[in-house]
Amino acid sequence: MEKEETINGSSEAVANHHLTCQLDGVGGPEDASAVNGNESGEPEPSDRRKEILKALEAVERDSAAIAESFSSLFASLRFTLSQATSSTVDHMNCFNDAAGHLQECVLDASTKGNRYINSCLRLNEEMKGMDALATQLKILRRHVDALDSVVNRLVRLP
């Protein structure tokens, strides 16, 4: 019957035949007919195929059930986390955005603060040489005040 299905173009029968042969440890169709004629008590290839298909169906059902269970668990955890923190995913995204903007502002302020400190340090270095200049200006101021006093006395001479 498998040969008739192959002639009709059914590749499923060919795949099942090859699967049966490989699972039985048989090399090809010739070996499969030899096994069928064997009276050693081994189940027929079609019986083994049915058992394998049943096992695969059971594994598929179990996998789907496990996947659904995990999906339900994660949904429950997400909902519980949302309630525990009294925030939704949108609130968390908004919080992330705000934290990112705050980080950028802090970095900008830190950069400007460093520039200000460096400018103050440069000014401090330049001002160290100003002490002598300040002393000279004080002396000059005294001389100008003394000169002003002398001029005022001279101008008031009546």
Protein backbone atom coordinates (compact mmCIF):
# COMPACT_ATOMS: atom_id res chain seq x y z
CA MET A 1 0.00 0.00 0.00
CA GLU A 2 2.89 2.36 0.70
CA LYS A 3 4.08 1.93 -2.87
CA GLU A 4 0.64 2.88 -4.19
CA GLU A 5 0.67 6.03 -2.03
CA THR A 6 4.13 6.90 -3.31
CA ILE A 7 2.95 6.56 -6.88
CA ASN A 8 0.07 8.90 -6.05
CA GLY A 9 2.59 11.45 -4.75
CA SER A 10 2.13 11.05 -0.98
CA SER A 11 5.46 11.85 0.63
CA GLU A 12 4.06 11.26 4.14
CA ALA A 13 3.91 7.52 3.56
CA VAL A 14 7.53 7.54 2.37
CA ALA A 15 8.63 9.55 5.43
CA ASN A 16 6.75 7.22 7.77
CA HIS A 17 8.29 4.21 6.03
CA HIS A 18 11.82 5.63 6.41
CA LEU A 19 11.10 6.52 10.06
CA THR A 20 9.90 2.98 10.74
CA CYS A 21 12.93 1.48 9.05
CA GLN A 22 15.33 3.69 10.97
CA LEU A 23 13.63 3.05 14.33
CA ASP A 24 13.62 -0.69 13.70
CA GLY A 25 17.31 -0.57 12.83
CA VAL A 26 16.57 -1.85 9.37
CA GLY A 27 18.37 -0.49 6.32
CA GLY A 28 15.66 -0.47 3.67
CA PRO A 29 12.49 -2.00 2.22
CA GLU A 30 14.15 -5.35 1.63
CA ASP A 31 15.14 -5.61 5.29
CA ALA A 32 11.65 -4.55 6.36
CA SER A 33 10.06 -7.47 4.53
CA ALA A 34 12.57 -9.80 6.16
CA VAL A 35 11.62 -8.48 9.61
CA ASN A 36 7.91 -8.90 8.85
CA GLY A 37 8.51 -12.54 8.04
CA ASN A 38 10.43 -13.04 11.29
CA GLU A 39 8.45 -14.82 14.00
CA SER A 40 10.66 -13.60 16.87
CA GLY A 41 7.72 -11.95 18.67
CA GLU A 42 8.69 -8.35 17.86
CA PRO A 43 5.74 -6.08 17.09
CA GLU A 44 5.00 -5.26 13.46
CA PRO A 45 6.43 -1.94 12.14
CA SER A 46 2.94 -0.47 11.85
CA ASP A 47 2.31 -1.25 15.55
CA ARG A 48 5.60 0.41 16.51
CA ARG A 49 4.74 3.37 14.31
CA LYS A 50 1.40 3.74 16.13
CA GLU A 51 3.16 3.57 19.51
CA ILE A 52 5.70 6.18 18.43
CA LEU A 53 2.98 8.47 17.11
CA LYS A 54 1.03 8.08 20.36
CA ALA A 55 4.17 8.91 22.36
CA LEU A 56 4.85 11.94 20.15
CA GLU A 57 1.26 13.13 20.60
CA ALA A 58 1.60 12.77 24.37
CA VAL A 59 4.87 14.72 24.36
CA GLU A 60 3.27 17.42 22.20
CA ARG A 61 0.26 17.68 24.54
CA ASP A 62 2.52 17.85 27.58
CA SER A 63 4.73 20.51 25.91
CA ALA A 64 1.71 22.62 25.05
CA ALA A 65 0.40 22.30 28.60
CA ILE A 66 3.79 23.29 30.05
CA ALA A 67 4.04 26.27 27.68
CA GLU A 68 0.54 27.41 28.66
CA SER A 69 1.41 26.97 32.32
CA PHE A 70 4.57 29.06 31.96
CA SER A 71 2.67 31.72 30.03
CA SER A 72 0.04 31.88 32.75
CA LEU A 73 2.73 32.00 35.44
CA PHE A 74 4.56 34.90 33.78
CA ALA A 75 1.32 36.81 33.24
CA SER A 76 0.48 36.32 36.90
CA LEU A 77 3.95 37.44 37.99
CA ARG A 78 3.75 40.52 35.76
CA PHE A 79 0.35 41.43 37.20
CA THR A 80 1.50 40.82 40.80
CA LEU A 81 4.63 42.91 40.27
CA SER A 82 2.54 45.69 38.78
CA GLN A 83 0.20 45.67 41.77
CA ALA A 84 3.02 45.37 44.29
CA THR A 85 4.74 48.45 42.96
CA SER A 86 1.44 50.23 42.26
CA SER A 87 2.61 50.98 38.77
CA THR A 88 1.86 49.76 35.31
CA VAL A 89 4.23 49.08 32.49
CA ASP A 90 3.50 52.57 31.14
CA HIS A 91 4.44 54.08 34.50
CA MET A 92 7.65 52.07 34.53
CA ASN A 93 8.49 53.27 31.00
CA CYS A 94 7.75 56.85 32.05
CA PHE A 95 9.95 56.40 35.12
CA ASN A 96 12.76 55.03 32.91
CA ASP A 97 12.45 58.04 30.58
CA ALA A 98 12.50 60.47 33.50
CA ALA A 99 15.51 58.74 35.04
CA GLY A 100 17.32 58.92 31.69
CA HIS A 101 16.62 62.64 31.33
CA LEU A 102 17.71 63.23 34.92
CA GLN A 103 20.95 61.36 34.25
CA GLU A 104 21.62 63.52 31.19
CA CYS A 105 20.94 66.71 33.17
CA VAL A 106 23.21 65.60 36.01
CA LEU A 107 25.99 64.81 33.55
CA ASP A 108 25.56 68.22 31.91
CA ALA A 109 25.56 70.02 35.27
CA SER A 110 28.60 68.04 36.38
CA THR A 111 30.48 69.02 33.22
CA LYS A 112 29.60 72.69 33.69
CA GLY A 113 30.56 72.48 37.36
CA ASN A 114 33.96 71.03 36.46
CA ARG A 115 34.52 73.84 33.95
CA TYR A 116 33.62 76.42 36.63
CA ILE A 117 36.02 74.85 39.14
CA ASN A 118 38.82 74.80 36.55
CA SER A 119 38.17 78.47 35.73
CA CYS A 120 38.32 79.36 39.43
CA LEU A 121 41.60 77.48 39.82
CA ARG A 122 43.10 79.32 36.83
CA LEU A 123 41.90 82.65 38.24
CA ASN A 124 43.37 81.78 41.62
CA GLU A 125 46.75 81.10 39.98
CA GLU A 126 46.57 84.40 38.14
CA MET A 127 45.58 86.25 41.31
CA LYS A 128 48.65 85.03 43.19
CA GLY A 129 50.70 87.57 41.25
CA MET A 130 48.18 90.30 42.04
CA ASP A 131 49.25 90.75 45.67
CA ALA A 132 52.29 92.82 44.65
CA LEU A 133 50.14 94.79 42.21
CA ALA A 134 47.54 95.43 44.93
CA THR A 135 50.27 96.74 47.25
CA GLN A 136 51.54 99.04 44.52
CA LEU A 137 47.99 100.30 43.89
CA LYS A 138 47.54 101.08 47.62
CA ILE A 139 50.79 103.05 47.65
CA LEU A 140 49.74 104.88 44.47
CA ARG A 141 46.35 105.64 46.02
CA ARG A 142 48.06 107.18 49.08
CA HIS A 143 50.25 109.32 46.84
CA VAL A 144 47.22 110.47 44.80
CA ASP A 145 45.33 111.31 48.02
CA ALA A 146 48.31 113.26 49.32
CA LEU A 147 48.62 115.13 46.03
CA ASP A 148 44.90 115.90 46.07
CA SER A 149 45.17 117.29 49.58
CA VAL A 150 48.09 119.52 48.56
CA VAL A 151 46.25 120.77 45.49
CA ASN A 152 43.16 121.54 47.54
CA ARG A 153 45.19 123.57 50.03
CA LEU A 154 46.87 125.48 47.28
CA VAL A 155 43.62 126.26 45.55
CA ARG A 156 42.03 127.58 48.76
CA LEU A 157 44.69 130.14 49.42
CA PRO A 158 42.81 133.32 49.92
